[in-house]
Amino acid sequence: MLTRNEAYELLRKNLRTENLIKHSLAVEAILKNTAKKLGEDEQLWGLIGLLHDLDYDFTKNDPAKHSQITIKVLDGLLPEEGMNAIKAHNYQYTAQVPQTYLDKSLIAADAVSGLIIAAALVMPSKKLADVTPKTLQDKFKDKSFAAGCNRKRIELCADMELELPVFLELSLNALKNIAEKLGL
């Protein structure tokens, strides 16, 4: 399995958009926190979060190919469960039905990261430190806020036996821990 440093080098080599790199770091942090809460492998889950969009700069205009290139690049470098999760996060095109906690956690983390960052950006300070769990819950309920954020994906947390408020707070805390890396 890849080390975290090798995975980060691979990420930097393949992604050219700084916001996408920050998104990957955010999903990594959320998945690590989720894995810890669920008693799962934090290292593996973190790597999956970090690498899930490895091919996005090459596939953003062709969603049917998204995750397919990533799978080829990572072949033999991650366990099968990780590869399946990466495919499952684009299940509409890969036909990899999300089944495991890792699959569903990746989908939920991918979506919630955007909601949390949007919540931080509307704060007067534009800082994660000023986002509270209550603020985040209110923003989640407001369908006009971050309208592109797929809340159904975030609600997959229920399939992991995590209530929505617990998952939102766990995710928020994960991003607060890396706020400096995210510039928030």
N, C-alpha and C. Protein backbone atom coordinates (compact mmCIF):
# COMPACT_ATOMS: atom_id res chain seq x y z
N MET A 1 0.84 -1.18 0.00
CA MET A 1 0.00 0.00 0.00
C MET A 1 0.89 1.25 0.00
N LEU A 2 0.43 2.26 -0.67
CA LEU A 2 1.14 3.53 -0.72
C LEU A 2 1.30 4.12 0.67
N THR A 3 2.37 4.87 0.87
CA THR A 3 2.48 5.67 2.08
C THR A 3 1.72 6.98 1.83
N ARG A 4 1.49 7.71 2.88
CA ARG A 4 0.79 8.99 2.74
C ARG A 4 1.64 9.95 1.90
N ASN A 5 2.96 9.96 2.11
CA ASN A 5 3.84 10.84 1.33
C ASN A 5 3.82 10.48 -0.16
N GLU A 6 3.84 9.19 -0.46
CA GLU A 6 3.78 8.77 -1.87
C GLU A 6 2.44 9.17 -2.49
N ALA A 7 1.37 9.03 -1.72
CA ALA A 7 0.04 9.40 -2.21
C ALA A 7 -0.04 10.90 -2.48
N TYR A 8 0.54 11.69 -1.58
CA TYR A 8 0.51 13.14 -1.75
C TYR A 8 1.33 13.56 -2.97
N GLU A 9 2.47 12.92 -3.19
CA GLU A 9 3.28 13.20 -4.39
C GLU A 9 2.50 12.87 -5.66
N LEU A 10 1.80 11.76 -5.63
CA LEU A 10 0.96 11.36 -6.77
C LEU A 10 -0.15 12.38 -7.01
N LEU A 11 -0.73 12.85 -5.93
CA LEU A 11 -1.78 13.86 -6.03
C LEU A 11 -1.23 15.13 -6.68
N ARG A 12 -0.11 15.60 -6.19
CA ARG A 12 0.51 16.81 -6.73
C ARG A 12 0.91 16.65 -8.19
N LYS A 13 1.31 15.46 -8.56
CA LYS A 13 1.72 15.19 -9.93
C LYS A 13 0.52 15.21 -10.89
N ASN A 14 -0.66 14.78 -10.40
CA ASN A 14 -1.81 14.63 -11.27
C ASN A 14 -2.84 15.75 -11.21
N LEU A 15 -2.89 16.49 -10.12
CA LEU A 15 -3.86 17.58 -10.02
C LEU A 15 -3.15 18.92 -10.15
N ARG A 16 -3.72 19.76 -10.96
CA ARG A 16 -3.11 21.05 -11.19
C ARG A 16 -3.90 22.20 -10.56
N THR A 17 -5.08 21.92 -10.11
CA THR A 17 -5.95 22.94 -9.54
C THR A 17 -5.78 22.96 -8.02
N GLU A 18 -5.35 24.09 -7.50
CA GLU A 18 -5.09 24.20 -6.06
C GLU A 18 -6.36 23.93 -5.23
N ASN A 19 -7.51 24.40 -5.70
CA ASN A 19 -8.76 24.13 -4.97
C ASN A 19 -9.09 22.65 -4.94
N LEU A 20 -8.75 21.94 -5.99
CA LEU A 20 -9.00 20.50 -6.02
C LEU A 20 -8.05 19.77 -5.07
N ILE A 21 -6.84 20.25 -4.96
CA ILE A 21 -5.90 19.68 -3.99
C ILE A 21 -6.43 19.92 -2.58
N LYS A 22 -6.92 21.12 -2.31
CA LYS A 22 -7.50 21.42 -1.00
C LYS A 22 -8.73 20.56 -0.74
N HIS A 23 -9.54 20.35 -1.77
CA HIS A 23 -10.72 19.48 -1.62
C HIS A 23 -10.27 18.06 -1.24
N SER A 24 -9.24 17.59 -1.88
CA SER A 24 -8.72 16.24 -1.58
C SER A 24 -8.21 16.15 -0.15
N LEU A 25 -7.54 17.19 0.31
CA LEU A 25 -7.07 17.23 1.70
C LEU A 25 -8.25 17.24 2.67
N ALA A 26 -9.30 17.95 2.31
CA ALA A 26 -10.50 18.02 3.15
C ALA A 26 -11.17 16.66 3.26
N VAL A 27 -11.33 15.99 2.12
CA VAL A 27 -11.97 14.67 2.13
C VAL A 27 -11.11 13.67 2.90
N GLU A 28 -9.79 13.77 2.73
CA GLU A 28 -8.88 12.92 3.51
C GLU A 28 -9.13 13.10 5.01
N ALA A 29 -9.17 14.34 5.46
CA ALA A 29 -9.34 14.62 6.89
C ALA A 29 -10.68 14.11 7.41
N ILE A 30 -11.73 14.31 6.63
CA ILE A 30 -13.06 13.84 7.05
C ILE A 30 -13.09 12.32 7.13
N LEU A 31 -12.52 11.66 6.13
CA LEU A 31 -12.52 10.20 6.15
C LEU A 31 -11.68 9.64 7.30
N LYS A 32 -10.58 10.27 7.61
CA LYS A 32 -9.78 9.80 8.74
C LYS A 32 -10.57 9.92 10.04
N ASN A 33 -11.26 11.05 10.22
CA ASN A 33 -12.08 11.22 11.43
C ASN A 33 -13.22 10.22 11.47
N THR A 34 -13.83 9.97 10.31
CA THR A 34 -14.93 9.02 10.24
C THR A 34 -14.43 7.61 10.57
N ALA A 35 -13.29 7.24 10.01
CA ALA A 35 -12.71 5.93 10.27
C ALA A 35 -12.43 5.76 11.76
N LYS A 36 -11.88 6.80 12.36
CA LYS A 36 -11.60 6.73 13.81
C LYS A 36 -12.88 6.51 14.59
N LYS A 37 -13.93 7.24 14.24
CA LYS A 37 -15.21 7.12 14.94
C LYS A 37 -15.80 5.72 14.78
N LEU A 38 -15.62 5.14 13.60
CA LEU A 38 -16.21 3.84 13.30
C LEU A 38 -15.29 2.66 13.62
N GLY A 39 -14.08 2.96 14.08
CA GLY A 39 -13.13 1.89 14.39
C GLY A 39 -12.55 1.23 13.15
N GLU A 40 -12.41 1.99 12.09
CA GLU A 40 -11.89 1.48 10.82
C GLU A 40 -10.43 1.91 10.64
N ASP A 41 -9.83 1.56 9.53
CA ASP A 41 -8.43 1.82 9.22
C ASP A 41 -8.25 3.28 8.78
N GLU A 42 -7.79 4.12 9.69
CA GLU A 42 -7.65 5.55 9.41
C GLU A 42 -6.67 5.82 8.27
N GLN A 43 -5.58 5.06 8.21
CA GLN A 43 -4.59 5.29 7.16
C GLN A 43 -5.18 5.01 5.79
N LEU A 44 -5.83 3.86 5.64
CA LEU A 44 -6.44 3.50 4.35
C LEU A 44 -7.52 4.51 3.98
N TRP A 45 -8.41 4.79 4.90
CA TRP A 45 -9.51 5.71 4.60
C TRP A 45 -8.97 7.09 4.20
N GLY A 46 -7.93 7.54 4.89
CA GLY A 46 -7.32 8.82 4.54
C GLY A 46 -6.76 8.82 3.13
N LEU A 47 -6.07 7.74 2.78
CA LEU A 47 -5.51 7.64 1.43
C LEU A 47 -6.61 7.67 0.37
N ILE A 48 -7.70 7.00 0.63
CA ILE A 48 -8.81 6.98 -0.33
C ILE A 48 -9.37 8.39 -0.50
N GLY A 49 -9.53 9.10 0.61
CA GLY A 49 -10.01 10.48 0.52
C GLY A 49 -9.05 11.37 -0.25
N LEU A 50 -7.77 11.19 -0.01
CA LEU A 50 -6.77 12.00 -0.68
C LEU A 50 -6.72 11.75 -2.18
N LEU A 51 -6.91 10.49 -2.58
CA LEU A 51 -6.71 10.11 -3.99
C LEU A 51 -7.99 9.96 -4.82
N HIS A 52 -9.16 10.12 -4.21
CA HIS A 52 -10.41 9.80 -4.90
C HIS A 52 -10.64 10.58 -6.19
N ASP A 53 -10.12 11.79 -6.29
CA ASP A 53 -10.32 12.63 -7.48
C ASP A 53 -9.04 12.78 -8.29
N LEU A 54 -8.15 11.83 -8.20
CA LEU A 54 -6.83 11.91 -8.83
C LEU A 54 -6.91 12.24 -10.33
N ASP A 55 -7.94 11.77 -10.99
CA ASP A 55 -8.04 11.99 -12.44
C ASP A 55 -8.96 13.15 -12.82
N TYR A 56 -9.42 13.91 -11.86
CA TYR A 56 -10.46 14.91 -12.14
C TYR A 56 -10.03 15.96 -13.17
N ASP A 57 -8.80 16.41 -13.12
CA ASP A 57 -8.35 17.40 -14.11
C ASP A 57 -8.42 16.85 -15.54
N PHE A 58 -8.35 15.53 -15.68
CA PHE A 58 -8.39 14.91 -17.00
C PHE A 58 -9.80 14.50 -17.41
N THR A 59 -10.70 14.38 -16.44
CA THR A 59 -12.02 13.83 -16.74
C THR A 59 -13.17 14.77 -16.42
N LYS A 60 -12.89 15.99 -15.99
CA LYS A 60 -13.97 16.89 -15.55
C LYS A 60 -15.01 17.15 -16.63
N ASN A 61 -14.64 17.05 -17.87
CA ASN A 61 -15.60 17.25 -18.96
C ASN A 61 -16.20 15.95 -19.47
N ASP A 62 -15.81 14.84 -18.87
CA ASP A 62 -16.31 13.53 -19.27
C ASP A 62 -16.52 12.68 -18.02
N PRO A 63 -17.63 12.93 -17.29
CA PRO A 63 -17.84 12.25 -16.01
C PRO A 63 -17.87 10.73 -16.11
N ALA A 64 -18.16 10.20 -17.26
CA ALA A 64 -18.19 8.74 -17.42
C ALA A 64 -16.79 8.14 -17.24
N LYS A 65 -15.76 8.93 -17.47
CA LYS A 65 -14.39 8.44 -17.32
C LYS A 65 -13.82 8.71 -15.92
N HIS A 66 -14.52 9.56 -15.15
CA HIS A 66 -14.02 9.92 -13.81
C HIS A 66 -13.93 8.67 -12.94
N SER A 67 -12.83 8.51 -12.33
CA SER A 67 -12.41 7.40 -11.46
C SER A 67 -11.81 6.24 -12.25
N GLN A 68 -12.08 6.14 -13.53
CA GLN A 68 -11.53 5.06 -14.33
C GLN A 68 -10.01 5.19 -14.49
N ILE A 69 -9.55 6.41 -14.74
CA ILE A 69 -8.11 6.64 -14.87
C ILE A 69 -7.44 6.45 -13.51
N THR A 70 -8.09 6.95 -12.46
CA THR A 70 -7.56 6.80 -11.11
C THR A 70 -7.32 5.33 -10.78
N ILE A 71 -8.28 4.50 -11.11
CA ILE A 71 -8.18 3.06 -10.83
C ILE A 71 -6.98 2.46 -11.54
N LYS A 72 -6.75 2.88 -12.78
CA LYS A 72 -5.61 2.35 -13.53
C LYS A 72 -4.29 2.81 -12.91
N VAL A 73 -4.22 4.09 -12.53
CA VAL A 73 -3.00 4.63 -11.92
C VAL A 73 -2.69 3.94 -10.60
N LEU A 74 -3.73 3.65 -9.82
CA LEU A 74 -3.55 3.08 -8.48
C LEU A 74 -3.55 1.55 -8.43
N ASP A 75 -3.69 0.92 -9.59
CA ASP A 75 -3.74 -0.54 -9.63
C ASP A 75 -2.53 -1.15 -8.91
N GLY A 76 -2.81 -1.98 -7.93
CA GLY A 76 -1.77 -2.64 -7.17
C GLY A 76 -1.19 -1.82 -6.03
N LEU A 77 -1.61 -0.56 -5.92
CA LEU A 77 -1.07 0.32 -4.88
C LEU A 77 -1.99 0.46 -3.67
N LEU A 78 -3.26 0.07 -3.86
CA LEU A 78 -4.25 0.13 -2.77
C LEU A 78 -5.01 -1.18 -2.72
N PRO A 79 -5.54 -1.53 -1.55
CA PRO A 79 -6.35 -2.75 -1.46
C PRO A 79 -7.64 -2.61 -2.28
N GLU A 80 -8.21 -3.73 -2.63
CA GLU A 80 -9.42 -3.77 -3.45
C GLU A 80 -10.55 -2.94 -2.86
N GLU A 81 -10.72 -2.98 -1.54
CA GLU A 81 -11.81 -2.22 -0.93
C GLU A 81 -11.66 -0.72 -1.19
N GLY A 82 -10.43 -0.23 -1.23
CA GLY A 82 -10.18 1.17 -1.53
C GLY A 82 -10.48 1.50 -2.98
N MET A 83 -10.08 0.61 -3.87
CA MET A 83 -10.36 0.80 -5.30
C MET A 83 -11.86 0.80 -5.55
N ASN A 84 -12.56 -0.11 -4.88
CA ASN A 84 -14.02 -0.16 -5.03
C ASN A 84 -14.67 1.13 -4.54
N ALA A 85 -14.18 1.68 -3.44
CA ALA A 85 -14.75 2.93 -2.91
C ALA A 85 -14.55 4.07 -3.90
N ILE A 86 -13.38 4.13 -4.52
CA ILE A 86 -13.12 5.18 -5.50
C ILE A 86 -14.09 5.05 -6.68
N LYS A 87 -14.29 3.83 -7.14
CA LYS A 87 -15.27 3.62 -8.22
C LYS A 87 -16.69 3.95 -7.75
N ALA A 88 -17.01 3.57 -6.53
CA ALA A 88 -18.37 3.77 -6.01
C ALA A 88 -18.70 5.25 -5.82
N HIS A 89 -17.71 6.10 -5.63
CA HIS A 89 -18.03 7.52 -5.45
C HIS A 89 -18.51 8.15 -6.75
N ASN A 90 -18.34 7.45 -7.87
CA ASN A 90 -18.87 7.88 -9.17
C ASN A 90 -19.80 6.79 -9.72
N TYR A 91 -20.59 6.22 -8.81
CA TYR A 91 -21.42 5.05 -9.14
C TYR A 91 -22.38 5.26 -10.29
N GLN A 92 -22.78 6.49 -10.55
CA GLN A 92 -23.70 6.74 -11.65
C GLN A 92 -23.11 6.30 -12.99
N TYR A 93 -21.79 6.32 -13.08
CA TYR A 93 -21.11 5.97 -14.34
C TYR A 93 -20.31 4.68 -14.27
N THR A 94 -19.93 4.24 -13.08
CA THR A 94 -19.07 3.06 -12.98
C THR A 94 -19.85 1.78 -12.69
N ALA A 95 -21.10 1.92 -12.31
CA ALA A 95 -21.94 0.78 -11.93
C ALA A 95 -21.42 0.05 -10.69
N GLN A 96 -20.51 0.70 -9.96
CA GLN A 96 -20.01 0.14 -8.69
C GLN A 96 -20.94 0.65 -7.58
N VAL A 97 -21.88 -0.17 -7.20
CA VAL A 97 -22.88 0.22 -6.20
C VAL A 97 -22.20 0.39 -4.84
N PRO A 98 -22.40 1.55 -4.19
CA PRO A 98 -21.82 1.74 -2.86
C PRO A 98 -22.43 0.75 -1.87
N GLN A 99 -21.57 -0.03 -1.22
CA GLN A 99 -22.06 -1.05 -0.30
C GLN A 99 -21.44 -0.94 1.08
N THR A 100 -20.15 -0.69 1.14
CA THR A 100 -19.45 -0.73 2.42
C THR A 100 -19.49 0.64 3.11
N TYR A 101 -19.11 0.65 4.37
CA TYR A 101 -18.99 1.91 5.09
C TYR A 101 -18.00 2.84 4.38
N LEU A 102 -16.91 2.28 3.88
CA LEU A 102 -15.92 3.10 3.19
C LEU A 102 -16.52 3.73 1.94
N ASP A 103 -17.24 2.95 1.15
CA ASP A 103 -17.88 3.47 -0.06
C ASP A 103 -18.78 4.66 0.28
N LYS A 104 -19.64 4.45 1.25
CA LYS A 104 -20.64 5.46 1.61
C LYS A 104 -20.01 6.64 2.31
N SER A 105 -18.98 6.38 3.09
CA SER A 105 -18.28 7.46 3.78
C SER A 105 -17.58 8.39 2.79
N LEU A 106 -16.99 7.81 1.76
CA LEU A 106 -16.34 8.63 0.74
C LEU A 106 -17.35 9.53 0.04
N ILE A 107 -18.48 8.98 -0.31
CA ILE A 107 -19.52 9.76 -0.99
C ILE A 107 -19.99 10.89 -0.09
N ALA A 108 -20.26 10.58 1.18
CA ALA A 108 -20.75 11.59 2.13
C ALA A 108 -19.68 12.65 2.40
N ALA A 109 -18.43 12.22 2.58
CA ALA A 109 -17.34 13.16 2.86
C ALA A 109 -17.09 14.09 1.67
N ASP A 110 -17.16 13.55 0.48
CA ASP A 110 -16.97 14.32 -0.75
C ASP A 110 -17.97 15.46 -0.80
N ALA A 111 -19.22 15.17 -0.47
CA ALA A 111 -20.28 16.18 -0.52
C ALA A 111 -20.22 17.15 0.65
N VAL A 112 -20.00 16.63 1.85
CA VAL A 112 -20.05 17.51 3.03
C VAL A 112 -18.88 18.48 3.05
N SER A 113 -17.77 18.12 2.45
CA SER A 113 -16.63 19.04 2.44
C SER A 113 -17.00 20.35 1.76
N GLY A 114 -17.76 20.26 0.68
CA GLY A 114 -18.19 21.47 -0.03
C GLY A 114 -19.14 22.32 0.79
N LEU A 115 -20.04 21.67 1.50
CA LEU A 115 -20.99 22.40 2.35
C LEU A 115 -20.25 23.15 3.46
N ILE A 116 -19.29 22.50 4.08
CA ILE A 116 -18.54 23.12 5.19
C ILE A 116 -17.71 24.29 4.69
N ILE A 117 -17.05 24.11 3.57
CA ILE A 117 -16.22 25.19 3.03
C ILE A 117 -17.09 26.38 2.62
N ALA A 118 -18.24 26.10 2.03
CA ALA A 118 -19.17 27.18 1.67
C ALA A 118 -19.64 27.92 2.92
N ALA A 119 -19.90 27.18 3.98
CA ALA A 119 -20.33 27.81 5.25
C ALA A 119 -19.23 28.72 5.79
N ALA A 120 -17.99 28.29 5.69
CA ALA A 120 -16.88 29.11 6.16
C ALA A 120 -16.75 30.38 5.33
N LEU A 121 -16.94 30.25 4.03
CA LEU A 121 -16.74 31.39 3.13
C LEU A 121 -17.80 32.48 3.28
N VAL A 122 -18.96 32.15 3.85
CA VAL A 122 -19.97 33.19 4.07
C VAL A 122 -19.84 33.84 5.45
N MET A 123 -18.93 33.34 6.27
CA MET A 123 -18.67 33.97 7.55
C MET A 123 -17.92 35.29 7.31
N PRO A 124 -18.17 36.30 8.13
CA PRO A 124 -17.43 37.57 7.94
C PRO A 124 -15.91 37.37 7.93
N SER A 125 -15.43 36.45 8.75
CA SER A 125 -13.99 36.18 8.83
C SER A 125 -13.49 35.26 7.72
N LYS A 126 -14.43 34.55 7.09
CA LYS A 126 -14.10 33.52 6.09
C LYS A 126 -13.22 32.43 6.70
N LYS A 127 -13.49 32.10 7.96
CA LYS A 127 -12.68 31.12 8.69
C LYS A 127 -13.55 29.98 9.21
N LEU A 128 -13.01 28.78 9.15
CA LEU A 128 -13.69 27.60 9.69
C LEU A 128 -13.91 27.72 11.19
N ALA A 129 -13.03 28.43 11.87
CA ALA A 129 -13.14 28.57 13.33
C ALA A 129 -14.47 29.18 13.74
N ASP A 130 -15.08 29.94 12.84
CA ASP A 130 -16.35 30.61 13.17
C ASP A 130 -17.58 29.81 12.79
N VAL A 131 -17.39 28.66 12.17
CA VAL A 131 -18.51 27.80 11.80
C VAL A 131 -18.78 26.87 12.99
N THR A 132 -20.02 26.86 13.44
CA THR A 132 -20.41 25.98 14.55
C THR A 132 -21.22 24.81 14.00
N PRO A 133 -21.33 23.75 14.77
CA PRO A 133 -22.18 22.64 14.33
C PRO A 133 -23.62 23.10 14.06
N LYS A 134 -24.13 24.02 14.88
CA LYS A 134 -25.50 24.53 14.67
C LYS A 134 -25.60 25.28 13.35
N THR A 135 -24.61 26.14 13.09
CA THR A 135 -24.58 26.87 11.81
C THR A 135 -24.61 25.89 10.65
N LEU A 136 -23.81 24.86 10.76
CA LEU A 136 -23.72 23.87 9.69
C LEU A 136 -25.05 23.13 9.51
N GLN A 137 -25.70 22.78 10.60
CA GLN A 137 -27.01 22.11 10.51
C GLN A 137 -28.03 23.03 9.84
N ASP A 138 -27.99 24.31 10.19
CA ASP A 138 -28.91 25.28 9.57
C ASP A 138 -28.64 25.42 8.08
N LYS A 139 -27.38 25.47 7.72
CA LYS A 139 -27.00 25.58 6.29
C LYS A 139 -27.41 24.31 5.54
N PHE A 140 -27.30 23.17 6.19
CA PHE A 140 -27.71 21.91 5.56
C PHE A 140 -29.21 21.95 5.24
N LYS A 141 -30.00 22.46 6.16
CA LYS A 141 -31.46 22.50 5.98
C LYS A 141 -31.89 23.53 4.94
N ASP A 142 -31.09 24.57 4.75
CA ASP A 142 -31.40 25.63 3.79
C ASP A 142 -31.00 25.18 2.39
N LYS A 143 -31.97 24.68 1.64
CA LYS A 143 -31.68 24.11 0.31
C LYS A 143 -31.15 25.15 -0.68
N SER A 144 -31.39 26.44 -0.41
CA SER A 144 -30.88 27.47 -1.31
C SER A 144 -29.40 27.77 -1.05
N PHE A 145 -28.91 27.37 0.13
CA PHE A 145 -27.49 27.56 0.44
C PHE A 145 -26.69 26.43 -0.18
N ALA A 146 -25.64 26.78 -0.90
CA ALA A 146 -24.80 25.78 -1.57
C ALA A 146 -25.70 24.79 -2.30
N ALA A 147 -26.53 25.34 -3.16
CA ALA A 147 -27.56 24.55 -3.85
C ALA A 147 -26.99 23.38 -4.64
N GLY A 148 -25.75 23.47 -5.07
CA GLY A 148 -25.13 22.39 -5.83
C GLY A 148 -24.66 21.23 -4.96
N CYS A 149 -24.71 21.41 -3.66
CA CYS A 149 -24.27 20.37 -2.74
C CYS A 149 -25.37 19.32 -2.61
N ASN A 150 -25.05 18.10 -2.95
CA ASN A 150 -26.03 17.02 -2.93
C ASN A 150 -26.20 16.50 -1.50
N ARG A 151 -27.26 16.95 -0.88
CA ARG A 151 -27.52 16.59 0.52
C ARG A 151 -27.87 15.11 0.69
N LYS A 152 -28.41 14.49 -0.34
CA LYS A 152 -28.70 13.05 -0.27
C LYS A 152 -27.41 12.26 -0.08
N ARG A 153 -26.34 12.72 -0.68
CA ARG A 153 -25.05 12.06 -0.51
C ARG A 153 -24.56 12.19 0.93
N ILE A 154 -24.74 13.36 1.50
CA ILE A 154 -24.34 13.57 2.89
C ILE A 154 -25.17 12.68 3.82
N GLU A 155 -26.44 12.52 3.49
CA GLU A 155 -27.33 11.72 4.32
C GLU A 155 -26.98 10.23 4.32
N LEU A 156 -26.04 9.82 3.47
CA LEU A 156 -25.56 8.44 3.52
C LEU A 156 -24.90 8.13 4.85
N CYS A 157 -24.60 9.15 5.62
CA CYS A 157 -24.01 8.93 6.94
C CYS A 157 -24.93 8.04 7.79
N ALA A 158 -26.22 8.11 7.54
CA ALA A 158 -27.16 7.26 8.29
C ALA A 158 -26.90 5.79 8.02
N ASP A 159 -26.43 5.46 6.82
CA ASP A 159 -26.10 4.08 6.48
C ASP A 159 -24.86 3.59 7.23
N MET A 160 -24.13 4.52 7.81
CA MET A 160 -22.94 4.17 8.60
C MET A 160 -23.26 4.25 10.08
N GLU A 161 -24.55 4.34 10.38
CA GLU A 161 -25.02 4.44 11.76
C GLU A 161 -24.51 5.69 12.46
N LEU A 162 -24.36 6.77 11.67
CA LEU A 162 -23.99 8.08 12.21
C LEU A 162 -25.16 9.03 11.95
N GLU A 163 -25.68 9.60 13.01
CA GLU A 163 -26.74 10.58 12.83
C GLU A 163 -26.15 11.81 12.16
N LEU A 164 -27.00 12.50 11.39
CA LEU A 164 -26.53 13.66 10.62
C LEU A 164 -25.80 14.68 11.49
N PRO A 165 -26.34 15.11 12.64
CA PRO A 165 -25.60 16.10 13.45
C PRO A 165 -24.22 15.60 13.88
N VAL A 166 -24.11 14.33 14.17
CA VAL A 166 -22.82 13.75 14.57
C VAL A 166 -21.84 13.80 13.39
N PHE A 167 -22.31 13.41 12.21
CA PHE A 167 -21.44 13.41 11.02
C PHE A 167 -21.03 14.84 10.65
N LEU A 168 -21.96 15.78 10.73
CA LEU A 168 -21.62 17.16 10.40
C LEU A 168 -20.56 17.70 11.36
N GLU A 169 -20.71 17.43 12.65
CA GLU A 169 -19.74 17.93 13.62
C GLU A 169 -18.39 17.24 13.45
N LEU A 170 -18.41 15.95 13.24
CA LEU A 170 -17.18 15.18 13.02
C LEU A 170 -16.43 15.73 11.80
N SER A 171 -17.17 16.03 10.74
CA SER A 171 -16.57 16.56 9.51
C SER A 171 -16.05 17.98 9.71
N LEU A 172 -16.83 18.79 10.38
CA LEU A 172 -16.41 20.17 10.67
C LEU A 172 -15.12 20.16 11.49
N ASN A 173 -15.06 19.33 12.52
CA ASN A 173 -13.86 19.26 13.36
C ASN A 173 -12.65 18.81 12.56
N ALA A 174 -12.87 17.88 11.63
CA ALA A 174 -11.77 17.41 10.77
C ALA A 174 -11.18 18.57 9.97
N LEU A 175 -12.05 19.41 9.42
CA LEU A 175 -11.57 20.52 8.60
C LEU A 175 -10.97 21.63 9.46
N LYS A 176 -11.51 21.83 10.65
CA LYS A 176 -10.91 22.82 11.54
C LYS A 176 -9.47 22.43 11.88
N ASN A 177 -9.22 21.14 11.97
CA ASN A 177 -7.86 20.66 12.29
C ASN A 177 -6.86 20.91 11.18
N ILE A 178 -7.34 21.12 9.96
CA ILE A 178 -6.43 21.40 8.83
C ILE A 178 -6.74 22.76 8.20
N ALA A 179 -7.38 23.64 8.96
CA ALA A 179 -7.81 24.94 8.43
C ALA A 179 -6.68 25.71 7.77
N GLU A 180 -5.50 25.64 8.35
CA GLU A 180 -4.37 26.39 7.77
C GLU A 180 -4.02 25.87 6.37
N LYS A 181 -4.03 24.54 6.20
CA LYS A 181 -3.74 23.95 4.89
C LYS A 181 -4.81 24.36 3.85
N LEU A 182 -6.02 24.57 4.33
CA LEU A 182 -7.13 24.92 3.45
C LEU A 182 -7.22 26.43 3.22
N GLY A 183 -6.45 27.19 3.98
CA GLY A 183 -6.51 28.65 3.85
C GLY A 183 -7.78 29.23 4.44
N LEU A 184 -8.36 28.50 5.39
CA LEU A 184 -9.62 28.91 6.00
C LEU A 184 -9.49 28.95 7.52
